[in-house]
Amino acid sequence: MDNAVEALADAWASIDGKLEEFRAGKTASRIEDFGGHYAGYMADAKEMIERLKVRGYQVLPGVPEPR
């Protein structure tokens, strides 16, 4: 499930134009260094997945489509 959360958070950060900050925050020694982008997107993605479950959906890994 952690991979799905991170994949969703990564995708959402890219939509918001914050992908570089999100990815940099993953390896930052302090959350404050990147404004908490990584932790914030991860928390939001986890919550989204939980809300989808309540509605009867599952988040499953699949084969990524080529870009």
N, C-alpha and C. Protein backbone atom coordinates (compact mmCIF):
# COMPACT_ATOMS: atom_id res chain seq x y z
N MET A 1 0.82 -1.20 0.00
CA MET A 1 0.00 0.00 0.00
C MET A 1 0.86 1.27 0.00
N ASP A 2 2.03 1.21 0.65
CA ASP A 2 2.90 2.38 0.69
C ASP A 2 3.32 2.83 -0.70
N ASN A 3 3.55 1.87 -1.59
CA ASN A 3 3.92 2.23 -2.97
C ASN A 3 2.78 2.95 -3.66
N ALA A 4 1.55 2.51 -3.43
CA ALA A 4 0.39 3.16 -4.03
C ALA A 4 0.23 4.57 -3.50
N VAL A 5 0.43 4.74 -2.21
CA VAL A 5 0.33 6.07 -1.60
C VAL A 5 1.38 7.00 -2.22
N GLU A 6 2.60 6.52 -2.31
CA GLU A 6 3.66 7.36 -2.87
C GLU A 6 3.42 7.65 -4.35
N ALA A 7 2.93 6.68 -5.09
CA ALA A 7 2.64 6.90 -6.51
C ALA A 7 1.56 7.95 -6.69
N LEU A 8 0.51 7.89 -5.86
CA LEU A 8 -0.57 8.87 -5.94
C LEU A 8 -0.05 10.25 -5.53
N ALA A 9 0.72 10.31 -4.47
CA ALA A 9 1.28 11.59 -4.01
C ALA A 9 2.19 12.19 -5.07
N ASP A 10 3.00 11.36 -5.71
CA ASP A 10 3.90 11.81 -6.76
C ASP A 10 3.11 12.37 -7.95
N ALA A 11 2.06 11.66 -8.34
CA ALA A 11 1.23 12.12 -9.45
C ALA A 11 0.54 13.43 -9.11
N TRP A 12 0.02 13.53 -7.88
CA TRP A 12 -0.67 14.75 -7.47
C TRP A 12 0.30 15.93 -7.42
N ALA A 13 1.49 15.70 -6.91
CA ALA A 13 2.50 16.77 -6.86
C ALA A 13 2.84 17.25 -8.27
N SER A 14 2.88 16.32 -9.22
CA SER A 14 3.19 16.73 -10.60
C SER A 14 2.06 17.57 -11.18
N ILE A 15 0.82 17.27 -10.84
CA ILE A 15 -0.32 18.08 -11.29
C ILE A 15 -0.23 19.48 -10.70
N ASP A 16 0.18 19.57 -9.44
CA ASP A 16 0.30 20.86 -8.76
C ASP A 16 1.54 21.65 -9.17
N GLY A 17 2.40 21.04 -9.99
CA GLY A 17 3.64 21.71 -10.37
C GLY A 17 4.69 21.70 -9.27
N LYS A 18 4.58 20.76 -8.34
CA LYS A 18 5.50 20.69 -7.19
C LYS A 18 6.26 19.38 -7.16
N LEU A 19 6.41 18.74 -8.31
CA LEU A 19 7.05 17.42 -8.34
C LEU A 19 8.49 17.46 -7.84
N GLU A 20 9.25 18.45 -8.27
CA GLU A 20 10.65 18.55 -7.82
C GLU A 20 10.73 18.71 -6.31
N GLU A 21 9.87 19.56 -5.76
CA GLU A 21 9.87 19.77 -4.31
C GLU A 21 9.47 18.50 -3.58
N PHE A 22 8.44 17.79 -4.11
CA PHE A 22 8.00 16.54 -3.49
C PHE A 22 9.14 15.54 -3.46
N ARG A 23 9.77 15.33 -4.61
CA ARG A 23 10.84 14.33 -4.69
C ARG A 23 12.05 14.73 -3.86
N ALA A 24 12.36 16.00 -3.82
CA ALA A 24 13.48 16.47 -2.99
C ALA A 24 13.16 16.28 -1.51
N GLY A 25 11.90 16.47 -1.15
CA GLY A 25 11.49 16.32 0.24
C GLY A 25 11.61 14.90 0.75
N LYS A 26 11.55 13.94 -0.17
CA LYS A 26 11.66 12.53 0.23
C LYS A 26 13.01 12.25 0.86
N THR A 27 14.04 12.91 0.38
CA THR A 27 15.39 12.66 0.90
C THR A 27 15.90 13.77 1.81
N ALA A 28 15.07 14.78 2.06
CA ALA A 28 15.49 15.90 2.92
C ALA A 28 15.67 15.42 4.35
N SER A 29 16.67 15.97 5.01
CA SER A 29 16.91 15.59 6.40
C SER A 29 15.90 16.23 7.34
N ARG A 30 15.32 17.35 6.90
CA ARG A 30 14.30 18.03 7.71
C ARG A 30 13.12 18.38 6.82
N ILE A 31 11.92 18.15 7.30
CA ILE A 31 10.72 18.46 6.53
C ILE A 31 10.67 19.94 6.17
N GLU A 32 11.14 20.80 7.06
CA GLU A 32 11.08 22.23 6.84
C GLU A 32 11.91 22.67 5.62
N ASP A 33 12.91 21.86 5.25
CA ASP A 33 13.77 22.23 4.13
C ASP A 33 12.99 22.39 2.83
N PHE A 34 11.91 21.66 2.67
CA PHE A 34 11.13 21.73 1.44
C PHE A 34 9.67 22.04 1.72
N GLY A 35 9.40 22.73 2.79
CA GLY A 35 8.04 23.17 3.10
C GLY A 35 7.07 22.05 3.39
N GLY A 36 7.57 20.88 3.70
CA GLY A 36 6.70 19.77 4.05
C GLY A 36 5.95 19.18 2.87
N HIS A 37 6.40 19.47 1.64
CA HIS A 37 5.70 18.96 0.47
C HIS A 37 5.57 17.45 0.48
N TYR A 38 6.65 16.75 0.82
CA TYR A 38 6.61 15.29 0.78
C TYR A 38 5.60 14.76 1.79
N ALA A 39 5.74 15.16 3.03
CA ALA A 39 4.85 14.66 4.09
C ALA A 39 3.40 15.06 3.82
N GLY A 40 3.19 16.26 3.35
CA GLY A 40 1.83 16.72 3.09
C GLY A 40 1.15 15.95 1.98
N TYR A 41 1.85 15.76 0.86
CA TYR A 41 1.28 14.99 -0.25
C TYR A 41 1.06 13.53 0.15
N MET A 42 1.98 12.96 0.93
CA MET A 42 1.82 11.58 1.37
C MET A 42 0.59 11.43 2.27
N ALA A 43 0.41 12.36 3.20
CA ALA A 43 -0.76 12.30 4.08
C ALA A 43 -2.05 12.45 3.30
N ASP A 44 -2.07 13.39 2.36
CA ASP A 44 -3.27 13.60 1.55
C ASP A 44 -3.57 12.39 0.67
N ALA A 45 -2.54 11.79 0.09
CA ALA A 45 -2.74 10.62 -0.77
C ALA A 45 -3.28 9.45 0.04
N LYS A 46 -2.74 9.25 1.23
CA LYS A 46 -3.22 8.16 2.10
C LYS A 46 -4.70 8.38 2.44
N GLU A 47 -5.05 9.59 2.75
CA GLU A 47 -6.44 9.91 3.08
C GLU A 47 -7.35 9.69 1.87
N MET A 48 -6.89 10.06 0.69
CA MET A 48 -7.69 9.84 -0.53
C MET A 48 -7.96 8.37 -0.75
N ILE A 49 -6.93 7.55 -0.57
CA ILE A 49 -7.09 6.12 -0.75
C ILE A 49 -8.08 5.56 0.27
N GLU A 50 -8.00 6.01 1.50
CA GLU A 50 -8.96 5.57 2.53
C GLU A 50 -10.39 5.97 2.17
N ARG A 51 -10.57 7.16 1.64
CA ARG A 51 -11.91 7.61 1.26
C ARG A 51 -12.44 6.84 0.05
N LEU A 52 -11.54 6.44 -0.84
CA LEU A 52 -11.96 5.60 -1.97
C LEU A 52 -12.42 4.24 -1.47
N LYS A 53 -11.74 3.68 -0.47
CA LYS A 53 -12.13 2.39 0.09
C LYS A 53 -13.55 2.45 0.65
N VAL A 54 -13.86 3.53 1.34
CA VAL A 54 -15.21 3.70 1.92
C VAL A 54 -16.28 3.67 0.81
N ARG A 55 -15.89 4.13 -0.37
CA ARG A 55 -16.83 4.16 -1.50
C ARG A 55 -16.79 2.87 -2.32
N GLY A 56 -16.03 1.88 -1.84
CA GLY A 56 -16.01 0.59 -2.50
C GLY A 56 -14.95 0.40 -3.55
N TYR A 57 -13.97 1.30 -3.63
CA TYR A 57 -12.90 1.19 -4.62
C TYR A 57 -11.64 0.65 -3.97
N GLN A 58 -10.80 0.03 -4.79
CA GLN A 58 -9.50 -0.45 -4.35
C GLN A 58 -8.43 0.21 -5.21
N VAL A 59 -7.31 0.50 -4.61
CA VAL A 59 -6.18 1.03 -5.34
C VAL A 59 -5.19 -0.13 -5.48
N LEU A 60 -4.97 -0.56 -6.71
CA LEU A 60 -4.12 -1.71 -6.98
C LEU A 60 -3.01 -1.33 -7.95
N PRO A 61 -1.85 -1.97 -7.81
CA PRO A 61 -0.78 -1.69 -8.77
C PRO A 61 -1.14 -2.25 -10.14
N GLY A 62 -0.65 -1.63 -11.15
CA GLY A 62 -0.89 -2.07 -12.50
C GLY A 62 0.32 -1.81 -13.36
N VAL A 63 0.16 -2.01 -14.62
CA VAL A 63 1.24 -1.76 -15.56
C VAL A 63 1.12 -0.32 -16.03
N PRO A 64 2.14 0.51 -15.80
CA PRO A 64 2.05 1.90 -16.21
C PRO A 64 1.98 2.03 -17.74
N GLU A 65 1.18 2.96 -18.17
CA GLU A 65 1.11 3.25 -19.61
C GLU A 65 2.30 4.11 -19.97
N PRO A 66 2.82 3.91 -21.20
CA PRO A 66 3.96 4.75 -21.62
C PRO A 66 3.57 6.21 -21.72
N ARG A 67 4.50 7.09 -21.42
CA ARG A 67 4.24 8.54 -21.50
C ARG A 67 4.68 9.05 -22.83
